[in-house]
Amino acid sequence: MAGIRFAGKPQPPIWLAMGHGFLSAAALTLLLYAWFTVGLPALASWALVLFLLAAAGGAFLNLNYHWKMLPLPKGMIVGHAGVAVVGFGLLLAATWAATP
């Protein structure tokens, strides 16, 4: 989706942005459920925090720019994606550390 914005369009199609948000929210919900029920290793807990920050950033982008049909700010897109990628890396590291 960032590629669409950096290619010159003001925002990605609504269906793509909403699908991204719904799938991300589903994954975040599963991770939160695991945290509340069985607990998570420290790296996975930090990943959860970063995913929550990325979700807040995505909601901000959606409600303040996409919903109003304003061009999405490129810096916020990079920040949103960067936080999510670091969180995903931490979650992968936690997964690899937990497997024997």
N, C-alpha and C. Protein backbone atom coordinates (compact mmCIF):
# COMPACT_ATOMS: atom_id res chain seq x y z
N MET A 1 0.82 -1.19 0.00
CA MET A 1 0.00 0.00 0.00
C MET A 1 0.87 1.25 0.00
N ALA A 2 1.99 1.18 0.67
CA ALA A 2 2.89 2.34 0.66
C ALA A 2 3.36 2.62 -0.75
N GLY A 3 3.57 1.56 -1.52
CA GLY A 3 3.99 1.73 -2.91
C GLY A 3 2.97 2.52 -3.72
N ILE A 4 1.70 2.32 -3.43
CA ILE A 4 0.66 3.08 -4.13
C ILE A 4 0.80 4.56 -3.81
N ARG A 5 1.03 4.86 -2.52
CA ARG A 5 1.17 6.27 -2.12
C ARG A 5 2.44 6.88 -2.70
N PHE A 6 3.54 6.14 -2.66
CA PHE A 6 4.79 6.68 -3.17
C PHE A 6 4.81 6.74 -4.69
N ALA A 7 3.89 6.04 -5.36
CA ALA A 7 3.78 6.12 -6.82
C ALA A 7 3.02 7.37 -7.25
N GLY A 8 2.47 8.11 -6.29
CA GLY A 8 1.84 9.38 -6.63
C GLY A 8 0.35 9.47 -6.34
N LYS A 9 -0.29 8.36 -6.04
CA LYS A 9 -1.72 8.44 -5.70
C LYS A 9 -1.87 8.92 -4.26
N PRO A 10 -2.94 9.64 -3.94
CA PRO A 10 -3.08 10.19 -2.58
C PRO A 10 -3.30 9.13 -1.51
N GLN A 11 -3.97 8.02 -1.85
CA GLN A 11 -4.18 6.93 -0.90
C GLN A 11 -4.50 5.65 -1.67
N PRO A 12 -4.34 4.51 -1.00
CA PRO A 12 -4.70 3.25 -1.66
C PRO A 12 -6.23 3.11 -1.73
N PRO A 13 -6.71 2.14 -2.50
CA PRO A 13 -8.17 1.92 -2.54
C PRO A 13 -8.71 1.61 -1.14
N ILE A 14 -9.93 2.02 -0.91
CA ILE A 14 -10.54 1.84 0.41
C ILE A 14 -10.61 0.36 0.78
N TRP A 15 -10.97 -0.50 -0.18
CA TRP A 15 -11.10 -1.93 0.13
C TRP A 15 -9.76 -2.51 0.58
N LEU A 16 -8.66 -2.04 0.01
CA LEU A 16 -7.35 -2.56 0.39
C LEU A 16 -6.96 -2.08 1.79
N ALA A 17 -7.19 -0.82 2.07
CA ALA A 17 -6.87 -0.28 3.40
C ALA A 17 -7.72 -0.94 4.48
N MET A 18 -9.00 -1.14 4.22
CA MET A 18 -9.87 -1.76 5.21
C MET A 18 -9.51 -3.24 5.41
N GLY A 19 -9.20 -3.93 4.33
CA GLY A 19 -8.78 -5.33 4.45
C GLY A 19 -7.51 -5.45 5.26
N HIS A 20 -6.56 -4.55 5.02
CA HIS A 20 -5.31 -4.52 5.79
C HIS A 20 -5.61 -4.31 7.27
N GLY A 21 -6.48 -3.37 7.56
CA GLY A 21 -6.82 -3.08 8.95
C GLY A 21 -7.52 -4.24 9.63
N PHE A 22 -8.46 -4.87 8.93
CA PHE A 22 -9.19 -6.00 9.53
C PHE A 22 -8.29 -7.19 9.78
N LEU A 23 -7.42 -7.52 8.83
CA LEU A 23 -6.50 -8.65 9.03
C LEU A 23 -5.50 -8.35 10.15
N SER A 24 -5.01 -7.13 10.20
CA SER A 24 -4.08 -6.74 11.26
C SER A 24 -4.76 -6.79 12.62
N ALA A 25 -5.99 -6.32 12.68
CA ALA A 25 -6.73 -6.35 13.95
C ALA A 25 -6.99 -7.79 14.40
N ALA A 26 -7.26 -8.67 13.46
CA ALA A 26 -7.48 -10.08 13.82
C ALA A 26 -6.21 -10.68 14.41
N ALA A 27 -5.08 -10.42 13.77
CA ALA A 27 -3.81 -10.95 14.28
C ALA A 27 -3.47 -10.35 15.64
N LEU A 28 -3.70 -9.07 15.79
CA LEU A 28 -3.44 -8.40 17.06
C LEU A 28 -4.33 -8.95 18.17
N THR A 29 -5.59 -9.24 17.84
CA THR A 29 -6.51 -9.82 18.81
C THR A 29 -6.02 -11.18 19.28
N LEU A 30 -5.53 -12.00 18.35
CA LEU A 30 -5.01 -13.32 18.73
C LEU A 30 -3.79 -13.20 19.63
N LEU A 31 -2.92 -12.24 19.33
CA LEU A 31 -1.73 -12.05 20.16
C LEU A 31 -2.12 -11.54 21.55
N LEU A 32 -3.08 -10.63 21.61
CA LEU A 32 -3.57 -10.16 22.91
C LEU A 32 -4.21 -11.29 23.71
N TYR A 33 -4.96 -12.14 23.04
CA TYR A 33 -5.57 -13.28 23.72
C TYR A 33 -4.49 -14.19 24.32
N ALA A 34 -3.44 -14.45 23.56
CA ALA A 34 -2.35 -15.28 24.07
C ALA A 34 -1.69 -14.61 25.27
N TRP A 35 -1.52 -13.29 25.21
CA TRP A 35 -0.87 -12.57 26.31
C TRP A 35 -1.71 -12.69 27.59
N PHE A 36 -3.04 -12.55 27.46
CA PHE A 36 -3.91 -12.61 28.63
C PHE A 36 -4.10 -14.02 29.16
N THR A 37 -4.05 -15.03 28.31
CA THR A 37 -4.37 -16.38 28.76
C THR A 37 -3.15 -17.19 29.16
N VAL A 38 -2.13 -17.25 28.32
CA VAL A 38 -0.98 -18.12 28.62
C VAL A 38 0.29 -17.33 28.86
N GLY A 39 0.29 -16.06 28.55
CA GLY A 39 1.48 -15.25 28.71
C GLY A 39 2.38 -15.35 27.49
N LEU A 40 3.24 -14.38 27.35
CA LEU A 40 4.16 -14.34 26.21
C LEU A 40 5.57 -14.12 26.73
N PRO A 41 6.57 -14.59 25.98
CA PRO A 41 7.95 -14.25 26.33
C PRO A 41 8.16 -12.73 26.21
N ALA A 42 9.24 -12.27 26.78
CA ALA A 42 9.50 -10.82 26.82
C ALA A 42 9.55 -10.21 25.42
N LEU A 43 10.25 -10.86 24.49
CA LEU A 43 10.34 -10.29 23.13
C LEU A 43 8.97 -10.21 22.47
N ALA A 44 8.14 -11.22 22.68
CA ALA A 44 6.80 -11.20 22.10
C ALA A 44 5.94 -10.13 22.76
N SER A 45 6.14 -9.88 24.03
CA SER A 45 5.39 -8.82 24.71
C SER A 45 5.78 -7.45 24.16
N TRP A 46 7.07 -7.25 23.89
CA TRP A 46 7.50 -6.00 23.28
C TRP A 46 6.95 -5.87 21.86
N ALA A 47 6.88 -6.99 21.15
CA ALA A 47 6.27 -6.98 19.81
C ALA A 47 4.81 -6.56 19.90
N LEU A 48 4.11 -7.06 20.91
CA LEU A 48 2.71 -6.68 21.11
C LEU A 48 2.58 -5.18 21.33
N VAL A 49 3.46 -4.62 22.14
CA VAL A 49 3.43 -3.17 22.38
C VAL A 49 3.64 -2.41 21.08
N LEU A 50 4.60 -2.85 20.28
CA LEU A 50 4.86 -2.17 19.00
C LEU A 50 3.68 -2.33 18.04
N PHE A 51 3.07 -3.51 18.03
CA PHE A 51 1.90 -3.70 17.18
C PHE A 51 0.74 -2.80 17.61
N LEU A 52 0.59 -2.61 18.91
CA LEU A 52 -0.46 -1.70 19.40
C LEU A 52 -0.17 -0.26 18.96
N LEU A 53 1.09 0.13 19.01
CA LEU A 53 1.47 1.47 18.52
C LEU A 53 1.22 1.61 17.03
N ALA A 54 1.58 0.58 16.27
CA ALA A 54 1.35 0.61 14.83
C ALA A 54 -0.15 0.65 14.53
N ALA A 55 -0.94 -0.08 15.30
CA ALA A 55 -2.39 -0.05 15.11
C ALA A 55 -2.95 1.34 15.39
N ALA A 56 -2.45 1.98 16.43
CA ALA A 56 -2.90 3.35 16.73
C ALA A 56 -2.52 4.29 15.59
N GLY A 57 -1.32 4.13 15.07
CA GLY A 57 -0.90 4.95 13.93
C GLY A 57 -1.76 4.69 12.70
N GLY A 58 -2.08 3.43 12.45
CA GLY A 58 -2.93 3.11 11.31
C GLY A 58 -4.34 3.66 11.47
N ALA A 59 -4.87 3.58 12.67
CA ALA A 59 -6.20 4.16 12.92
C ALA A 59 -6.17 5.67 12.73
N PHE A 60 -5.08 6.31 13.18
CA PHE A 60 -4.94 7.76 12.99
C PHE A 60 -4.88 8.10 11.51
N LEU A 61 -4.09 7.35 10.75
CA LEU A 61 -4.01 7.59 9.30
C LEU A 61 -5.38 7.41 8.64
N ASN A 62 -6.08 6.37 9.04
CA ASN A 62 -7.38 6.10 8.43
C ASN A 62 -8.39 7.19 8.75
N LEU A 63 -8.51 7.54 10.03
CA LEU A 63 -9.56 8.48 10.43
C LEU A 63 -9.26 9.92 10.07
N ASN A 64 -8.00 10.30 10.11
CA ASN A 64 -7.66 11.71 9.86
C ASN A 64 -7.27 12.03 8.43
N TYR A 65 -6.97 11.02 7.64
CA TYR A 65 -6.56 11.29 6.26
C TYR A 65 -7.40 10.50 5.26
N HIS A 66 -7.38 9.17 5.37
CA HIS A 66 -8.07 8.37 4.39
C HIS A 66 -9.57 8.64 4.39
N TRP A 67 -10.17 8.70 5.56
CA TRP A 67 -11.61 8.93 5.69
C TRP A 67 -12.01 10.27 5.09
N LYS A 68 -11.12 11.26 5.23
CA LYS A 68 -11.40 12.61 4.72
C LYS A 68 -10.92 12.81 3.29
N MET A 69 -10.42 11.72 2.68
CA MET A 69 -9.91 11.74 1.30
C MET A 69 -8.74 12.72 1.12
N LEU A 70 -7.92 12.85 2.15
CA LEU A 70 -6.72 13.67 2.08
C LEU A 70 -5.53 12.79 1.74
N PRO A 71 -4.52 13.35 1.09
CA PRO A 71 -3.32 12.54 0.81
C PRO A 71 -2.65 12.08 2.11
N LEU A 72 -2.30 10.81 2.15
CA LEU A 72 -1.65 10.27 3.34
C LEU A 72 -0.23 10.82 3.44
N PRO A 73 0.18 11.30 4.62
CA PRO A 73 1.55 11.82 4.77
C PRO A 73 2.57 10.69 4.69
N LYS A 74 3.54 10.86 3.81
CA LYS A 74 4.52 9.81 3.56
C LYS A 74 5.35 9.48 4.79
N GLY A 75 5.68 10.46 5.59
CA GLY A 75 6.46 10.22 6.81
C GLY A 75 5.71 9.34 7.79
N MET A 76 4.42 9.58 7.93
CA MET A 76 3.63 8.75 8.85
C MET A 76 3.49 7.33 8.32
N ILE A 77 3.42 7.18 7.01
CA ILE A 77 3.34 5.84 6.42
C ILE A 77 4.61 5.06 6.74
N VAL A 78 5.75 5.72 6.56
CA VAL A 78 7.04 5.07 6.85
C VAL A 78 7.14 4.73 8.34
N GLY A 79 6.71 5.65 9.20
CA GLY A 79 6.74 5.38 10.64
C GLY A 79 5.83 4.23 11.04
N HIS A 80 4.62 4.22 10.50
CA HIS A 80 3.65 3.15 10.77
C HIS A 80 4.22 1.80 10.33
N ALA A 81 4.74 1.76 9.13
CA ALA A 81 5.30 0.51 8.62
C ALA A 81 6.55 0.10 9.39
N GLY A 82 7.39 1.06 9.72
CA GLY A 82 8.63 0.76 10.44
C GLY A 82 8.36 0.15 11.80
N VAL A 83 7.43 0.71 12.53
CA VAL A 83 7.09 0.18 13.86
C VAL A 83 6.54 -1.23 13.72
N ALA A 84 5.69 -1.47 12.73
CA ALA A 84 5.11 -2.80 12.54
C ALA A 84 6.18 -3.81 12.13
N VAL A 85 7.11 -3.40 11.29
CA VAL A 85 8.17 -4.33 10.84
C VAL A 85 9.08 -4.69 12.01
N VAL A 86 9.43 -3.72 12.84
CA VAL A 86 10.26 -4.03 14.01
C VAL A 86 9.50 -4.96 14.97
N GLY A 87 8.22 -4.71 15.15
CA GLY A 87 7.41 -5.59 15.98
C GLY A 87 7.36 -7.00 15.42
N PHE A 88 7.23 -7.13 14.11
CA PHE A 88 7.21 -8.45 13.49
C PHE A 88 8.55 -9.14 13.66
N GLY A 89 9.63 -8.38 13.54
CA GLY A 89 10.96 -8.97 13.76
C GLY A 89 11.13 -9.48 15.18
N LEU A 90 10.65 -8.71 16.14
CA LEU A 90 10.71 -9.16 17.54
C LEU A 90 9.87 -10.42 17.75
N LEU A 91 8.70 -10.46 17.12
CA LEU A 91 7.85 -11.64 17.25
C LEU A 91 8.52 -12.87 16.62
N LEU A 92 9.16 -12.69 15.47
CA LEU A 92 9.90 -13.80 14.87
C LEU A 92 11.04 -14.26 15.76
N ALA A 93 11.77 -13.31 16.32
CA ALA A 93 12.88 -13.66 17.23
C ALA A 93 12.37 -14.42 18.44
N ALA A 94 11.24 -13.99 18.99
CA ALA A 94 10.65 -14.69 20.13
C ALA A 94 10.22 -16.10 19.76
N THR A 95 9.69 -16.25 18.56
CA THR A 95 9.26 -17.57 18.09
C THR A 95 10.46 -18.49 17.89
N TRP A 96 11.52 -17.98 17.27
CA TRP A 96 12.71 -18.78 17.03
C TRP A 96 13.40 -19.15 18.34
N ALA A 97 13.38 -18.24 19.31
CA ALA A 97 14.02 -18.53 20.59
C ALA A 97 13.23 -19.57 21.39
N ALA A 98 11.92 -19.66 21.15
CA ALA A 98 11.10 -20.59 21.92
C ALA A 98 11.10 -22.00 21.33
N THR A 99 11.52 -22.14 20.08
CA THR A 99 11.52 -23.48 19.48
C THR A 99 12.83 -24.19 19.79
N PRO A 100 12.73 -25.47 20.14
CA PRO A 100 13.95 -26.21 20.49
C PRO A 100 14.79 -26.60 19.29
